Amino acid sequence: MTMRTGGQILVDQLLIHGATDAFCVPGESYLAVLDALHDAKLKVTICRAEGGACMMAEAAGKLTGKPGICFVTRGPGATNASPGVHIAHQDSTPLILFVGQIDRSMREREAFQELDYRAVFGTMTKWATEIDQAERIPEIISRAFHVATSGRPGPVVIALPEDMLTDVVEAVDAEPYQVTETHPSLLQTIDLQKRLWAAKSPVAILGGSRWDPQAIARFQRFAERFDLPVAVSFRRQMLFPADHPNFAGDLGIGPNPKLLARIKESDLVILVGGRLSEMPSQSYTLFGIPNPGRPLVHVHPDPEELGRVYRPTLAINASPTAFCAALETVHPPQQIAWAGAAAAAHEAYLGWSEQPAPVAGTFHPGE
């Protein structure tokens, strides 16, 4: 078995788990990693500020569904990166932030820029840890990839003591990580079809993560078969094309009042992947809590999210990818009671989004 530095072992694990890009602000506290990155087949983007680096990694994770990778130095480097970590937490984005750390022998002496990263990041991550032994790097990096991508995806922060990265040890490489998938049961898909057949004015809301292009296309076909109005959650416009005839608008800041009225008047809401947090729920006023006030089918990959705020009529613990695959077996009734609702919702969206509000004077900034 080849002897390697901790920095080299870490970079080797990133490649094993399929990482292709990393973003960083170079720092003296993780020089051994930078040395290993020099000849690695990993595209490294050097940034000028840690906040930008972490947000780039968050964007990469959001676009690919794979953990975005970011490296920053200790102390202020880590705190500067915290906005990107918080965004990853609230947007359910897989992200792994590596933070340089003081030597292990200097802990709890208030060494230069010393911080307890478990305490600093504990409330905005799925897991915050520190690697004490270079031999454990494969184990901890493997766990980080699994934690960041499983259930509701989110950020992981790993502190890297400077002296640990320069240790030369033998270590067994991990196997590539695999995302744990959850699927709706047959009884749940049958229940969903029955509820749709009995509905008079259903609406769908798409949000969250764990989507891929195939899932997006499958939900479009489902919406077309059922003539279903589809809205998207806050910052999730990529989940349904705005020019699609079933698109009803987005639940962000200042949404279309007609869309809010449609949701309030609906007799079945299908929420796929989202949480209906402050922004899409209009400060938690769109639905009752804990009883939503109307039948709610909530599909989410994390079982802890189901019933956390809203008590769903039908809770389905499944990723959007798996749920949309199951929708291929859900068929519409011979006669759709809400026929024409999607076209009306899309027309209302166009009227709201394409017509600028009237203003006094001759200058119209919306035109």
Protein backbone atom coordinates (compact mmCIF):
# COMPACT_ATOMS: atom_id res chain seq x y z
CA MET A 1 0.00 0.00 0.00
CA THR A 2 1.36 3.41 -1.00
CA MET A 3 2.18 5.96 1.67
CA ARG A 4 0.43 9.29 1.04
CA THR A 5 0.00 12.61 2.76
CA GLY A 6 -3.38 13.42 4.24
CA GLY A 7 -3.82 16.09 1.58
CA GLN A 8 -3.19 13.58 -1.21
CA ILE A 9 -5.57 11.03 0.32
CA LEU A 10 -8.29 13.68 0.51
CA VAL A 11 -7.93 14.70 -3.13
CA ASP A 12 -7.89 11.04 -4.19
CA GLN A 13 -11.21 10.50 -2.39
CA LEU A 14 -12.81 13.45 -4.18
CA LEU A 15 -11.86 11.92 -7.52
CA ILE A 16 -13.13 8.48 -6.46
CA HIS A 17 -16.52 10.00 -5.61
CA GLY A 18 -16.78 11.66 -9.01
CA ALA A 19 -15.91 15.27 -8.18
CA THR A 20 -14.88 17.21 -11.28
CA ASP A 21 -14.76 20.79 -10.00
CA ALA A 22 -13.69 22.60 -6.86
CA PHE A 23 -13.73 26.23 -5.80
CA CYS A 24 -11.35 27.81 -3.33
CA VAL A 25 -9.57 30.77 -1.87
CA PRO A 26 -6.02 29.48 -1.25
CA GLY A 27 -4.82 29.57 2.34
CA GLU A 28 -1.78 28.51 4.32
CA SER A 29 -3.78 26.17 6.56
CA TYR A 30 -4.39 23.59 3.83
CA LEU A 31 -1.23 23.80 1.72
CA ALA A 32 -0.95 20.01 1.57
CA VAL A 33 -4.31 19.86 -0.21
CA LEU A 34 -3.28 22.60 -2.65
CA ASP A 35 -0.11 20.65 -3.38
CA ALA A 36 -2.16 17.51 -4.14
CA LEU A 37 -4.57 19.48 -6.31
CA HIS A 38 -1.72 20.76 -8.48
CA ASP A 39 -1.48 17.57 -10.55
CA ALA A 40 -5.00 16.19 -9.95
CA LYS A 41 -7.58 15.81 -12.71
CA LEU A 42 -9.86 18.23 -10.92
CA LYS A 43 -10.75 21.64 -12.28
CA VAL A 44 -10.04 24.16 -9.52
CA THR A 45 -11.45 27.69 -9.74
CA ILE A 46 -9.45 30.19 -7.67
CA CYS A 47 -11.66 32.89 -6.17
CA ARG A 48 -10.93 36.22 -4.51
CA ALA A 49 -13.48 35.91 -1.70
CA GLU A 50 -14.69 32.90 0.27
CA GLY A 51 -18.34 33.93 0.00
CA GLY A 52 -18.12 33.86 -3.79
CA ALA A 53 -16.24 30.55 -3.78
CA CYS A 54 -18.82 28.85 -1.57
CA MET A 55 -21.73 30.25 -3.59
CA MET A 56 -20.10 28.96 -6.79
CA ALA A 57 -19.84 25.52 -5.19
CA GLU A 58 -23.48 25.79 -4.06
CA ALA A 59 -24.53 26.66 -7.61
CA ALA A 60 -22.58 23.69 -8.96
CA GLY A 61 -24.30 21.39 -6.47
CA LYS A 62 -27.70 22.82 -7.36
CA LEU A 63 -27.15 22.37 -11.10
CA THR A 64 -25.62 18.87 -11.01
CA GLY A 65 -27.21 17.26 -7.95
CA LYS A 66 -23.70 16.26 -6.85
CA PRO A 67 -21.98 17.88 -3.86
CA GLY A 68 -20.34 21.18 -4.72
CA ILE A 69 -16.77 21.25 -3.38
CA CYS A 70 -15.21 24.29 -1.72
CA PHE A 71 -11.96 24.90 0.20
CA VAL A 72 -11.32 27.89 2.46
CA THR A 73 -8.79 28.74 5.13
CA ARG A 74 -9.46 28.95 8.84
CA GLY A 75 -11.13 31.65 10.93
CA PRO A 76 -12.40 34.53 8.78
CA GLY A 77 -12.08 32.35 5.69
CA ALA A 78 -14.67 30.01 7.14
CA THR A 79 -17.01 32.72 8.40
CA ASN A 80 -16.83 34.51 5.04
CA ALA A 81 -18.00 31.27 3.41
CA SER A 82 -20.98 30.90 5.76
CA PRO A 83 -23.54 32.66 3.49
CA GLY A 84 -22.98 29.97 0.85
CA VAL A 85 -23.41 27.27 3.48
CA HIS A 86 -26.65 28.85 4.69
CA ILE A 87 -28.00 29.07 1.13
CA ALA A 88 -27.17 25.39 0.61
CA HIS A 89 -29.00 24.56 3.84
CA GLN A 90 -32.17 26.48 2.98
CA ASP A 91 -32.15 25.46 -0.69
CA SER A 92 -31.45 21.77 0.05
CA THR A 93 -28.27 21.79 -2.03
CA PRO A 94 -25.54 19.14 -1.60
CA LEU A 95 -22.31 20.91 -0.64
CA ILE A 96 -19.05 19.97 1.10
CA LEU A 97 -17.01 22.82 2.55
CA PHE A 98 -13.46 22.01 3.66
CA VAL A 99 -11.95 24.43 6.17
CA GLY A 100 -8.29 24.64 7.10
CA GLN A 101 -7.69 24.31 10.84
CA ILE A 102 -4.94 24.94 13.39
CA ASP A 103 -2.53 22.15 14.37
CA ARG A 104 -4.06 19.53 16.63
CA SER A 105 -1.51 20.30 19.36
CA MET A 106 -2.75 23.91 19.63
CA ARG A 107 -6.42 23.25 20.29
CA GLU A 108 -8.25 25.21 22.98
CA ARG A 109 -5.35 27.64 23.46
CA GLU A 110 -7.03 30.31 21.33
CA ALA A 111 -4.46 29.90 18.59
CA PHE A 112 -4.44 32.37 15.70
CA GLN A 113 -7.88 32.34 14.00
CA GLU A 114 -8.95 29.29 16.00
CA LEU A 115 -12.66 28.40 15.84
CA ASP A 116 -14.81 25.46 16.84
CA TYR A 117 -16.36 24.67 13.46
CA ARG A 118 -18.88 22.24 14.90
CA ALA A 119 -20.29 25.12 16.94
CA VAL A 120 -20.03 27.72 14.17
CA PHE A 121 -21.73 25.62 11.48
CA GLY A 122 -23.73 23.16 13.57
CA THR A 123 -27.14 24.79 13.04
CA MET A 124 -26.78 25.36 9.29
CA THR A 125 -25.37 22.01 8.16
CA LYS A 126 -26.43 18.39 8.07
CA TRP A 127 -23.06 17.48 9.59
CA ALA A 128 -20.04 19.44 10.83
CA THR A 129 -16.93 17.53 11.84
CA GLU A 130 -13.14 17.58 12.07
CA ILE A 131 -10.70 14.92 10.87
CA ASP A 132 -8.22 13.96 13.58
CA GLN A 133 -6.46 11.05 11.84
CA ALA A 134 -5.33 10.98 8.23
CA GLU A 135 -6.13 7.26 8.11
CA ARG A 136 -9.82 8.11 8.56
CA ILE A 137 -10.02 10.54 5.63
CA PRO A 138 -11.57 7.97 3.22
CA GLU A 139 -14.22 7.03 5.79
CA ILE A 140 -15.19 10.61 6.60
CA ILE A 141 -15.21 11.85 2.99
CA SER A 142 -17.40 8.89 2.01
CA ARG A 143 -19.81 9.72 4.81
CA ALA A 144 -19.81 13.39 3.79
CA PHE A 145 -20.91 12.54 0.24
CA HIS A 146 -23.66 10.25 1.55
CA VAL A 147 -24.92 12.77 4.10
CA ALA A 148 -24.87 15.68 1.64
CA THR A 149 -26.95 13.81 -0.95
CA SER A 150 -29.30 11.60 1.08
CA GLY A 151 -32.84 12.49 2.15
CA ARG A 152 -33.10 16.25 2.00
CA PRO A 153 -29.72 17.26 0.53
CA GLY A 154 -27.65 19.88 2.30
CA PRO A 155 -24.21 21.10 3.33
CA VAL A 156 -21.44 19.33 5.22
CA VAL A 157 -18.48 21.17 6.77
CA ILE A 158 -15.19 19.36 7.44
CA ALA A 159 -12.31 20.98 9.34
CA LEU A 160 -8.80 19.91 8.32
CA PRO A 161 -6.04 20.35 10.94
CA GLU A 162 -2.92 21.56 9.16
CA ASP A 163 -0.60 18.96 10.69
CA MET A 164 -3.04 16.12 9.93
CA LEU A 165 -2.86 16.99 6.22
CA THR A 166 0.92 16.59 6.20
CA ASP A 167 0.92 13.23 7.99
CA VAL A 168 2.17 10.44 5.71
CA VAL A 169 0.14 7.27 6.28
CA GLU A 170 -1.38 4.20 4.67
CA ALA A 171 -5.11 4.46 4.00
CA VAL A 172 -7.62 2.25 2.17
CA ASP A 173 -9.62 4.17 -0.44
CA ALA A 174 -13.41 4.14 -0.21
CA GLU A 175 -15.81 2.96 -2.90
CA PRO A 176 -17.76 5.61 -4.87
CA TYR A 177 -20.84 6.84 -3.00
CA GLN A 178 -24.36 5.96 -4.11
CA VAL A 179 -27.46 8.07 -3.50
CA THR A 180 -30.05 6.27 -1.39
CA GLU A 181 -33.37 6.44 -3.24
CA THR A 182 -36.86 6.36 -1.76
CA HIS A 183 -39.92 5.43 -3.83
CA PRO A 184 -43.68 5.81 -3.48
CA SER A 185 -45.56 2.60 -2.79
CA LEU A 186 -48.15 1.15 -5.16
CA LEU A 187 -50.90 1.93 -2.64
CA GLN A 188 -49.79 5.56 -2.50
CA THR A 189 -49.90 5.98 -6.28
CA ILE A 190 -53.36 4.39 -6.35
CA ASP A 191 -54.46 6.73 -3.55
CA LEU A 192 -53.12 9.72 -5.50
CA GLN A 193 -55.02 8.69 -8.63
CA LYS A 194 -58.26 8.31 -6.64
CA ARG A 195 -57.84 11.76 -5.12
CA LEU A 196 -57.19 13.29 -8.52
CA TRP A 197 -60.24 11.59 -10.01
CA ALA A 198 -62.39 12.99 -7.19
CA ALA A 199 -60.96 16.52 -7.37
CA LYS A 200 -62.63 19.52 -9.00
CA SER A 201 -59.84 22.11 -8.90
CA PRO A 202 -56.40 20.58 -8.20
CA VAL A 203 -53.09 22.41 -8.49
CA ALA A 204 -49.45 21.27 -8.30
CA ILE A 205 -46.51 23.07 -6.69
CA LEU A 206 -42.94 22.00 -7.48
CA GLY A 207 -39.92 22.75 -5.31
CA GLY A 208 -36.92 21.38 -3.49
CA SER A 209 -34.06 19.36 -4.95
CA ARG A 210 -33.42 15.76 -6.06
CA TRP A 211 -34.80 16.60 -9.53
CA ASP A 212 -33.17 15.70 -12.83
CA PRO A 213 -34.07 16.50 -16.48
CA GLN A 214 -35.94 13.20 -16.87
CA ALA A 215 -38.07 13.87 -13.79
CA ILE A 216 -38.88 17.37 -15.02
CA ALA A 217 -39.96 15.97 -18.40
CA ARG A 218 -42.05 13.26 -16.75
CA PHE A 219 -43.91 15.76 -14.61
CA GLN A 220 -44.62 17.88 -17.67
CA ARG A 221 -46.22 14.86 -19.36
CA PHE A 222 -48.22 14.14 -16.20
CA ALA A 223 -49.46 17.75 -16.07
CA GLU A 224 -50.43 17.60 -19.73
CA ARG A 225 -52.37 14.35 -19.29
CA PHE A 226 -54.32 15.78 -16.36
CA ASP A 227 -54.60 19.38 -17.66
CA LEU A 228 -53.09 20.36 -14.32
CA PRO A 229 -52.05 23.94 -13.41
CA VAL A 230 -48.44 23.89 -12.18
CA ALA A 231 -46.73 26.49 -10.01
CA VAL A 232 -43.13 26.49 -8.83
CA SER A 233 -41.73 27.40 -5.43
CA PHE A 234 -39.34 30.20 -4.51
CA ARG A 235 -36.18 30.14 -6.69
CA ARG A 236 -37.32 26.98 -8.48
CA GLN A 237 -38.25 28.36 -11.90
CA MET A 238 -36.01 25.75 -13.55
CA LEU A 239 -38.44 22.96 -12.61
CA PHE A 240 -41.17 23.91 -15.11
CA PRO A 241 -40.86 26.01 -18.30
CA ALA A 242 -42.52 29.41 -18.04
CA ASP A 243 -43.72 29.13 -21.66
CA HIS A 244 -45.45 25.79 -21.05
CA PRO A 245 -49.26 26.06 -21.40
CA ASN A 246 -49.70 24.50 -17.93
CA PHE A 247 -47.43 26.95 -16.12
CA ALA A 248 -49.36 28.97 -13.53
CA GLY A 249 -46.54 31.09 -12.07
CA ASP A 250 -44.08 31.10 -9.19
CA LEU A 251 -44.59 31.47 -5.45
CA GLY A 252 -41.83 33.92 -4.73
CA ILE A 253 -41.86 37.50 -3.54
CA GLY A 254 -44.94 39.39 -4.75
CA PRO A 255 -46.66 36.53 -6.63
CA ASN A 256 -49.70 36.88 -8.86
CA PRO A 257 -52.77 37.39 -6.62
CA LYS A 258 -54.76 35.20 -9.02
CA LEU A 259 -52.33 32.33 -8.42
CA LEU A 260 -52.70 32.71 -4.66
CA ALA A 261 -56.49 32.72 -5.05
CA ARG A 262 -56.34 29.59 -7.22
CA ILE A 263 -54.34 27.74 -4.57
CA LYS A 264 -56.62 28.90 -1.76
CA GLU A 265 -59.71 27.80 -3.70
CA SER A 266 -58.26 24.44 -4.79
CA ASP A 267 -59.59 21.18 -3.40
CA LEU A 268 -56.31 19.28 -3.85
CA VAL A 269 -52.73 20.56 -3.66
CA ILE A 270 -49.90 18.30 -4.83
CA LEU A 271 -46.61 19.56 -3.37
CA VAL A 272 -43.60 17.79 -4.88
CA GLY A 273 -40.18 18.24 -3.30
CA GLY A 274 -40.85 21.57 -1.62
CA ARG A 275 -41.35 22.59 2.01
CA LEU A 276 -43.70 25.59 1.69
CA SER A 277 -41.42 27.67 3.87
CA GLU A 278 -41.72 31.41 4.50
CA MET A 279 -41.38 32.72 0.94
CA PRO A 280 -43.64 30.34 -1.04
CA SER A 281 -46.22 30.22 1.76
CA GLN A 282 -46.36 34.03 1.89
CA SER A 283 -45.12 34.18 5.48
CA TYR A 284 -47.06 31.02 6.38
CA THR A 285 -50.44 32.52 5.43
CA LEU A 286 -51.25 30.51 2.30
CA PHE A 287 -52.12 27.35 4.26
CA GLY A 288 -53.30 26.67 7.76
CA ILE A 289 -50.88 25.20 10.32
CA PRO A 290 -50.83 22.34 11.11
CA ASN A 291 -54.07 21.63 9.21
CA PRO A 292 -53.53 23.08 5.71
CA GLY A 293 -57.25 23.76 5.26
CA ARG A 294 -57.48 21.70 2.07
CA PRO A 295 -56.33 18.23 0.99
CA LEU A 296 -52.54 18.20 0.65
CA VAL A 297 -50.43 15.52 -1.01
CA HIS A 298 -46.87 16.16 0.13
CA VAL A 299 -44.01 14.36 -1.61
CA HIS A 300 -40.59 14.79 -0.02
CA PRO A 301 -37.38 12.69 0.18
CA ASP A 302 -36.90 13.39 3.90
CA PRO A 303 -39.45 11.71 6.20
CA GLU A 304 -38.76 14.30 8.91
CA GLU A 305 -40.11 17.03 6.63
CA LEU A 306 -43.48 15.30 6.17
CA GLY A 307 -45.74 16.69 8.88
CA ARG A 308 -43.07 19.00 10.25
CA VAL A 309 -45.16 22.15 9.63
CA TYR A 310 -48.18 21.02 7.62
CA ARG A 311 -50.07 17.81 8.24
CA PRO A 312 -50.56 16.26 4.78
CA THR A 313 -53.61 14.27 3.78
CA LEU A 314 -51.29 11.92 1.91
CA ALA A 315 -47.59 11.90 2.83
CA ILE A 316 -45.25 10.25 0.33
CA ASN A 317 -41.63 9.73 1.34
CA ALA A 318 -39.97 9.76 -2.07
CA SER A 319 -37.55 11.85 -4.06
CA PRO A 320 -39.04 13.90 -6.91
CA THR A 321 -37.07 11.72 -9.31
CA ALA A 322 -38.65 8.50 -8.04
CA PHE A 323 -42.10 10.06 -7.65
CA CYS A 324 -42.15 11.38 -11.20
CA ALA A 325 -41.18 7.94 -12.49
CA ALA A 326 -44.18 6.49 -10.64
CA LEU A 327 -46.47 9.10 -12.22
CA GLU A 328 -46.14 7.24 -15.51
CA THR A 329 -48.62 4.72 -14.06
CA VAL A 330 -51.15 7.36 -12.93
CA HIS A 331 -53.87 7.89 -15.52
CA PRO A 332 -56.50 10.63 -15.86
CA PRO A 333 -60.25 10.01 -15.78
CA GLN A 334 -62.18 9.87 -19.03
CA GLN A 335 -63.59 13.30 -18.29
CA ILE A 336 -61.47 15.87 -16.43
CA ALA A 337 -63.69 17.96 -14.16
CA TRP A 338 -61.30 20.92 -14.24
CA ALA A 339 -60.71 20.93 -18.01
CA GLY A 340 -59.41 24.31 -19.14
CA ALA A 341 -58.00 25.23 -15.72
CA ALA A 342 -54.38 25.01 -16.89
CA ALA A 343 -55.01 27.31 -19.84
CA ALA A 344 -56.80 29.82 -17.61
CA ALA A 345 -53.97 29.71 -15.06
CA HIS A 346 -51.34 30.24 -17.76
CA GLU A 347 -53.31 33.12 -19.26
CA ALA A 348 -53.48 34.72 -15.81
CA TYR A 349 -49.71 34.25 -15.45
CA LEU A 350 -49.04 35.92 -18.80
CA GLY A 351 -51.34 38.81 -17.97
CA TRP A 352 -49.55 39.34 -14.67
CA SER A 353 -45.98 38.96 -15.92
CA GLU A 354 -46.06 40.60 -19.35
CA GLN A 355 -48.03 43.76 -18.61
CA PRO A 356 -46.06 46.39 -16.66
CA ALA A 357 -47.92 48.24 -13.94
CA PRO A 358 -49.07 51.74 -14.96
CA VAL A 359 -46.93 54.59 -13.63
CA ALA A 360 -47.27 58.34 -13.76
CA GLY A 361 -45.26 60.29 -16.31
CA THR A 362 -43.85 59.49 -19.74
CA PHE A 363 -41.05 57.13 -18.66
CA HIS A 364 -42.15 53.49 -18.20
CA PRO A 365 -39.27 51.35 -16.81
CA GLY A 366 -41.23 48.12 -17.35
CA GLU A 367 -41.48 48.58 -21.11
